[in-house]
Amino acid sequence: MEPDLHELLRSLRVWDPQATDLPVFDPAAAPAEPLPLFTRWFAEAVAAGQAEPHTMSLATADARGLPDVRIVMLHGADDDGWSFATHAHSRKGGHLAARPYAALAFYWPVLGRQVRVRGPVAAAPAEEAQADLHARSTGALAAALTGRQSAVLGSAQELARASEAAWERARRAPDTPAPSWTLYRLRADEVEFFQGEARRRHVRLRYRRGAEGWVRESLWP
């Protein structure tokens, strides 16, 4: 017998006090720019034991404007933007070639927090992409060398053969380039910080890039 989805949904609760701490967030004390606050919140999520805090949702749109979303890994965040990587020929790579604009979302339920980022996306120089790839694990290089991301797969055996060959090559030659591997940087036009509150008086602070710098705005929950 299949589970009852609606019954399961009704049984679930958000931010169980046994697992979630909801810190007080005062927007008036927030820094003038979003990156220092993001770095602080990220560090606090790590310290609080949030599983995989560096994973994020990446939303893109295809040439027709139809949206898509998936989970990817944050590779860095600095004055140049929030970074992630993929093959240029992947679905998201194709979307970004057609519409170089994206949105990111981080969710850290252990603290009742989320961060949303959106803005234009540009590819970093190829040498930076390769340096980023080779600074990662052998498995990351093997995955990049397996190839044909998002293409139709003929069989599990085909994938197994390609993966084994890629792992062998990554171990034997850890500096092997993956030419289509691309490091993308999202330069934020807007960054929103959301802090959950027990009485649902959630705190939302939006940074919006203006002509003379960042504008800070509080939003209704």
Foldseek 3Di string as FASTA:
>chain_A
DDDDPVVVVVPDDAQDVVQAAFDDDDPVPDDQDCPVVVVVVLVVLVVSPFPQQQKKKKWFAALVRHIDIDIFGFLDADQQATKGKDFCPAPVNRRCVNPQKMKIKTARRNHQKMKIFIAGKDWDPQVVQLVSQLVDDLLSQLVLQLDDHNDDDPDPVNSVVSSVVSSVCCVVPVSDGNRRMIMMGGNTQKMKMWGADPVRQIWIWMWGQDPVGTDIDTDGD
